[in-house]
Amino acid sequence: PFNPGELLKLLQVVRGLFAATVVTLDGSLPLAALAGVIAQADRTLLMCDQSVIRSRRAKHLLRALRLENCPLDRAGVVVDPYRRRIGLEPENLAELMDLPLLAALGGDPLTRLHAMNAGEPMFNFAPNDDYCTGMRRLAELLCTGKMTQTPNLFARWFG
């Protein structure tokens, strides 16, 4: 059986061995385990797509975490995949979640599939794809410790 305490101990050991550790978890873990991992994390990314069903599920998960007094001050939303004119825009999803928007990872889904089938990294296969651009921005945010996007030049001039 799954033991949240053992997972947290393992993460403490791993954090001591590596400069950066990425852990991928989903909402099916026990709430106590998720809250414990998030409490230890330097940053937390909530991956969400633009579907109403998944965004509602994410919102309910966040509500449950907040009721457990889980610290979400270092959390942000990443929308993947992002499709223009689908409905829920990334900014609206982030507002719904009451978290900052960190990235909207768009790009051509067929390009991702072709890169995967070719066994090539996306950054080699299609370095100018919107997905790669979004991933670079997200990596920059994570490496600098920022938890909000830097406004683009137009927004800085006229915002």
C-alpha atoms as a PDB file:
ATOM      1  CA  PRO A   1       0.000   0.000   0.000  1.00  0.00           C
ATOM      2  CA  PHE A   2       0.979   3.610  -0.625  1.00  0.00           C
ATOM      3  CA  ASN A   3       2.602   5.352   2.351  1.00  0.00           C
ATOM      4  CA  PRO A   4       2.655   9.186   2.157  1.00  0.00           C
ATOM      5  CA  GLY A   5       5.223   9.410   4.951  1.00  0.00           C
ATOM      6  CA  GLU A   6       7.693   7.251   3.033  1.00  0.00           C
ATOM      7  CA  LEU A   7       7.204   9.383  -0.089  1.00  0.00           C
ATOM      8  CA  LEU A   8       8.004  12.546   1.889  1.00  0.00           C
ATOM      9  CA  LYS A   9      11.128  10.940   3.379  1.00  0.00           C
ATOM     10  CA  LEU A  10      12.267   9.869  -0.082  1.00  0.00           C
ATOM     11  CA  LEU A  11      11.780  13.401  -1.426  1.00  0.00           C
ATOM     12  CA  GLN A  12      13.859  14.831   1.426  1.00  0.00           C
ATOM     13  CA  VAL A  13      16.717  12.467   0.537  1.00  0.00           C
ATOM     14  CA  VAL A  14      16.452  13.259  -3.179  1.00  0.00           C
ATOM     15  CA  ARG A  15      16.420  17.019  -2.510  1.00  0.00           C
ATOM     16  CA  GLY A  16      19.676  16.625  -0.608  1.00  0.00           C
ATOM     17  CA  LEU A  17      21.320  14.845  -3.549  1.00  0.00           C
ATOM     18  CA  PHE A  18      20.295  17.024  -6.487  1.00  0.00           C
ATOM     19  CA  ALA A  19      20.167  20.749  -7.220  1.00  0.00           C
ATOM     20  CA  ALA A  20      16.758  20.399  -8.873  1.00  0.00           C
ATOM     21  CA  THR A  21      14.142  17.699  -8.593  1.00  0.00           C
ATOM     22  CA  VAL A  22      10.960  17.457 -10.630  1.00  0.00           C
ATOM     23  CA  VAL A  23       8.144  15.319  -9.275  1.00  0.00           C
ATOM     24  CA  THR A  24       5.007  14.645 -11.283  1.00  0.00           C
ATOM     25  CA  LEU A  25       1.914  13.776  -9.273  1.00  0.00           C
ATOM     26  CA  ASP A  26      -1.747  13.720 -10.098  1.00  0.00           C
ATOM     27  CA  GLY A  27      -4.856  14.409  -8.097  1.00  0.00           C
ATOM     28  CA  SER A  28      -5.559  10.722  -7.489  1.00  0.00           C
ATOM     29  CA  LEU A  29      -3.021  10.558  -4.643  1.00  0.00           C
ATOM     30  CA  PRO A  30      -4.349  10.935  -1.116  1.00  0.00           C
ATOM     31  CA  LEU A  31      -4.835  14.587  -0.213  1.00  0.00           C
ATOM     32  CA  ALA A  32      -2.380  14.336   2.687  1.00  0.00           C
ATOM     33  CA  ALA A  33       0.359  13.108   0.337  1.00  0.00           C
ATOM     34  CA  LEU A  34      -0.253  15.905  -2.173  1.00  0.00           C
ATOM     35  CA  ALA A  35      -0.335  18.529   0.566  1.00  0.00           C
ATOM     36  CA  GLY A  36       2.896  17.168   2.062  1.00  0.00           C
ATOM     37  CA  VAL A  37       4.752  17.230  -1.248  1.00  0.00           C
ATOM     38  CA  ILE A  38       3.479  20.731  -2.075  1.00  0.00           C
ATOM     39  CA  ALA A  39       4.501  21.978   1.375  1.00  0.00           C
ATOM     40  CA  GLN A  40       8.084  20.764   0.708  1.00  0.00           C
ATOM     41  CA  ALA A  41       8.232  22.071  -2.875  1.00  0.00           C
ATOM     42  CA  ASP A  42      10.001  25.258  -3.881  1.00  0.00           C
ATOM     43  CA  ARG A  43       7.490  25.655  -6.715  1.00  0.00           C
ATOM     44  CA  THR A  44       4.305  23.857  -7.717  1.00  0.00           C
ATOM     45  CA  LEU A  45       2.863  23.772 -11.218  1.00  0.00           C
ATOM     46  CA  LEU A  46      -0.775  22.879 -11.707  1.00  0.00           C
ATOM     47  CA  MET A  47      -1.081  21.419 -15.198  1.00  0.00           C
ATOM     48  CA  CYS A  48      -4.499  22.043 -16.682  1.00  0.00           C
ATOM     49  CA  ASP A  49      -6.079  21.944 -20.101  1.00  0.00           C
ATOM     50  CA  GLN A  50      -8.956  24.055 -21.374  1.00  0.00           C
ATOM     51  CA  SER A  51     -11.738  21.538 -20.766  1.00  0.00           C
ATOM     52  CA  VAL A  52     -14.501  22.489 -18.380  1.00  0.00           C
ATOM     53  CA  ILE A  53     -14.477  19.061 -16.724  1.00  0.00           C
ATOM     54  CA  ARG A  54     -10.744  19.050 -15.952  1.00  0.00           C
ATOM     55  CA  SER A  55     -10.720  22.678 -14.857  1.00  0.00           C
ATOM     56  CA  ARG A  56     -13.556  21.947 -12.419  1.00  0.00           C
ATOM     57  CA  ARG A  57     -11.657  18.949 -11.093  1.00  0.00           C
ATOM     58  CA  ALA A  58      -8.545  21.103 -10.616  1.00  0.00           C
ATOM     59  CA  LYS A  59     -10.577  23.792  -8.865  1.00  0.00           C
ATOM     60  CA  HIS A  60     -12.062  21.205  -6.465  1.00  0.00           C
ATOM     61  CA  LEU A  61      -8.586  19.817  -5.770  1.00  0.00           C
ATOM     62  CA  LEU A  62      -7.261  23.303  -5.015  1.00  0.00           C
ATOM     63  CA  ARG A  63     -10.232  23.990  -2.727  1.00  0.00           C
ATOM     64  CA  ALA A  64      -9.519  20.760  -0.814  1.00  0.00           C
ATOM     65  CA  LEU A  65      -5.815  21.649  -0.536  1.00  0.00           C
ATOM     66  CA  ARG A  66      -6.686  25.125   0.746  1.00  0.00           C
ATOM     67  CA  LEU A  67      -9.006  23.602   3.351  1.00  0.00           C
ATOM     68  CA  GLU A  68      -6.024  21.496   4.483  1.00  0.00           C
ATOM     69  CA  ASN A  69      -4.019  24.752   4.856  1.00  0.00           C
ATOM     70  CA  CYS A  70      -1.668  23.608   2.115  1.00  0.00           C
ATOM     71  CA  PRO A  71       0.662  26.465   1.100  1.00  0.00           C
ATOM     72  CA  LEU A  72      -0.159  27.420  -2.493  1.00  0.00           C
ATOM     73  CA  ASP A  73       1.712  30.730  -2.479  1.00  0.00           C
ATOM     74  CA  ARG A  74       4.446  29.176  -4.668  1.00  0.00           C
ATOM     75  CA  ALA A  75       1.993  27.575  -7.105  1.00  0.00           C
ATOM     76  CA  GLY A  76       1.024  28.582 -10.618  1.00  0.00           C
ATOM     77  CA  VAL A  77      -1.007  27.316 -13.575  1.00  0.00           C
ATOM     78  CA  VAL A  78       0.403  25.849 -16.789  1.00  0.00           C
ATOM     79  CA  VAL A  79      -2.137  25.314 -19.571  1.00  0.00           C
ATOM     80  CA  ASP A  80      -1.172  22.384 -21.786  1.00  0.00           C
ATOM     81  CA  PRO A  81      -2.217  21.967 -24.481  1.00  0.00           C
ATOM     82  CA  TYR A  82      -3.363  25.497 -25.293  1.00  0.00           C
ATOM     83  CA  ARG A  83      -5.644  25.908 -28.296  1.00  0.00           C
ATOM     84  CA  ARG A  84      -6.797  29.308 -29.442  1.00  0.00           C
ATOM     85  CA  ARG A  85     -10.538  29.899 -29.642  1.00  0.00           C
ATOM     86  CA  ILE A  86     -11.411  26.734 -27.680  1.00  0.00           C
ATOM     87  CA  GLY A  87     -13.289  28.471 -24.915  1.00  0.00           C
ATOM     88  CA  LEU A  88     -11.553  28.890 -21.598  1.00  0.00           C
ATOM     89  CA  GLU A  89      -8.539  31.105 -22.159  1.00  0.00           C
ATOM     90  CA  PRO A  90      -5.436  30.562 -19.998  1.00  0.00           C
ATOM     91  CA  GLU A  91      -5.879  33.857 -18.152  1.00  0.00           C
ATOM     92  CA  ASN A  92      -9.457  32.891 -17.271  1.00  0.00           C
ATOM     93  CA  LEU A  93      -8.370  29.448 -16.087  1.00  0.00           C
ATOM     94  CA  ALA A  94      -5.712  30.964 -13.842  1.00  0.00           C
ATOM     95  CA  GLU A  95      -8.250  33.427 -12.446  1.00  0.00           C
ATOM     96  CA  LEU A  96     -10.686  30.569 -11.839  1.00  0.00           C
ATOM     97  CA  MET A  97      -7.952  28.695  -9.934  1.00  0.00           C
ATOM     98  CA  ASP A  98      -6.883  31.864  -8.085  1.00  0.00           C
ATOM     99  CA  LEU A  99      -3.267  31.207  -9.102  1.00  0.00           C
ATOM    100  CA  PRO A 100      -0.893  33.074 -11.415  1.00  0.00           C
ATOM    101  CA  LEU A 101      -0.622  31.909 -15.007  1.00  0.00           C
ATOM    102  CA  LEU A 102       2.917  30.698 -15.667  1.00  0.00           C
ATOM    103  CA  ALA A 103       2.619  29.398 -19.221  1.00  0.00           C
ATOM    104  CA  ALA A 104       0.255  28.456 -22.006  1.00  0.00           C
ATOM    105  CA  LEU A 105       1.916  25.730 -24.055  1.00  0.00           C
ATOM    106  CA  GLY A 106       0.498  25.859 -27.545  1.00  0.00           C
ATOM    107  CA  GLY A 107       2.014  24.713 -30.771  1.00  0.00           C
ATOM    108  CA  ASP A 108       0.968  22.253 -33.397  1.00  0.00           C
ATOM    109  CA  PRO A 109      -0.042  18.914 -31.827  1.00  0.00           C
ATOM    110  CA  LEU A 110       1.021  17.101 -34.994  1.00  0.00           C
ATOM    111  CA  THR A 111       4.513  18.531 -34.639  1.00  0.00           C
ATOM    112  CA  ARG A 112       4.745  17.049 -31.133  1.00  0.00           C
ATOM    113  CA  LEU A 113       3.563  13.703 -32.476  1.00  0.00           C
ATOM    114  CA  HIS A 114       6.036  13.769 -35.377  1.00  0.00           C
ATOM    115  CA  ALA A 115       8.911  14.672 -33.044  1.00  0.00           C
ATOM    116  CA  MET A 116       7.972  11.863 -30.685  1.00  0.00           C
ATOM    117  CA  ASN A 117       7.665   9.329 -33.528  1.00  0.00           C
ATOM    118  CA  ALA A 118      11.016  10.473 -34.948  1.00  0.00           C
ATOM    119  CA  GLY A 119      12.637  10.092 -31.527  1.00  0.00           C
ATOM    120  CA  GLU A 120      13.783  13.708 -31.643  1.00  0.00           C
ATOM    121  CA  PRO A 121      13.484  16.337 -28.919  1.00  0.00           C
ATOM    122  CA  MET A 122      11.004  19.064 -29.828  1.00  0.00           C
ATOM    123  CA  PHE A 123      13.769  21.644 -29.412  1.00  0.00           C
ATOM    124  CA  ASN A 124      15.696  19.987 -32.255  1.00  0.00           C
ATOM    125  CA  PHE A 125      12.726  18.959 -34.382  1.00  0.00           C
ATOM    126  CA  ALA A 126      10.835  22.273 -34.331  1.00  0.00           C
ATOM    127  CA  PRO A 127      12.735  24.827 -32.218  1.00  0.00           C
ATOM    128  CA  ASN A 128      10.438  27.707 -33.206  1.00  0.00           C
ATOM    129  CA  ASP A 129       7.184  25.901 -32.429  1.00  0.00           C
ATOM    130  CA  ASP A 130       4.987  27.728 -29.900  1.00  0.00           C
ATOM    131  CA  TYR A 131       5.376  24.789 -27.515  1.00  0.00           C
ATOM    132  CA  CYS A 132       9.161  25.251 -27.431  1.00  0.00           C
ATOM    133  CA  THR A 133       8.797  28.998 -26.984  1.00  0.00           C
ATOM    134  CA  GLY A 134       6.410  28.468 -24.071  1.00  0.00           C
ATOM    135  CA  MET A 135       8.686  25.862 -22.481  1.00  0.00           C
ATOM    136  CA  ARG A 136      11.659  28.243 -22.694  1.00  0.00           C
ATOM    137  CA  ARG A 137       9.674  30.969 -20.943  1.00  0.00           C
ATOM    138  CA  LEU A 138       8.490  28.522 -18.300  1.00  0.00           C
ATOM    139  CA  ALA A 139      12.046  27.260 -17.707  1.00  0.00           C
ATOM    140  CA  GLU A 140      13.229  30.853 -17.326  1.00  0.00           C
ATOM    141  CA  LEU A 141      10.521  31.547 -14.734  1.00  0.00           C
ATOM    142  CA  LEU A 142      11.400  28.420 -12.795  1.00  0.00           C
ATOM    143  CA  CYS A 143      15.154  29.007 -12.921  1.00  0.00           C
ATOM    144  CA  THR A 144      14.850  32.612 -11.775  1.00  0.00           C
ATOM    145  CA  GLY A 145      12.422  31.734  -8.990  1.00  0.00           C
ATOM    146  CA  LYS A 146       9.742  34.049 -10.353  1.00  0.00           C
ATOM    147  CA  MET A 147       6.170  32.860 -10.200  1.00  0.00           C
ATOM    148  CA  THR A 148       4.625  35.296 -12.668  1.00  0.00           C
ATOM    149  CA  GLN A 149       5.131  36.000 -16.328  1.00  0.00           C
ATOM    150  CA  THR A 150       7.065  39.091 -17.313  1.00  0.00           C
ATOM    151  CA  PRO A 151       4.818  41.372 -19.355  1.00  0.00           C
ATOM    152  CA  ASN A 152       5.803  41.643 -22.991  1.00  0.00           C
ATOM    153  CA  LEU A 153       7.363  44.835 -24.335  1.00  0.00           C
ATOM    154  CA  PHE A 154       4.007  46.180 -25.600  1.00  0.00           C
ATOM    155  CA  ALA A 155       2.391  45.688 -22.188  1.00  0.00           C
ATOM    156  CA  ARG A 156       5.317  47.372 -20.408  1.00  0.00           C
ATOM    157  CA  TRP A 157       5.105  50.421 -22.683  1.00  0.00           C
ATOM    158  CA  PHE A 158       1.341  50.832 -22.656  1.00  0.00           C
ATOM    159  CA  GLY A 159       0.259  48.873 -19.570  1.00  0.00           C
END
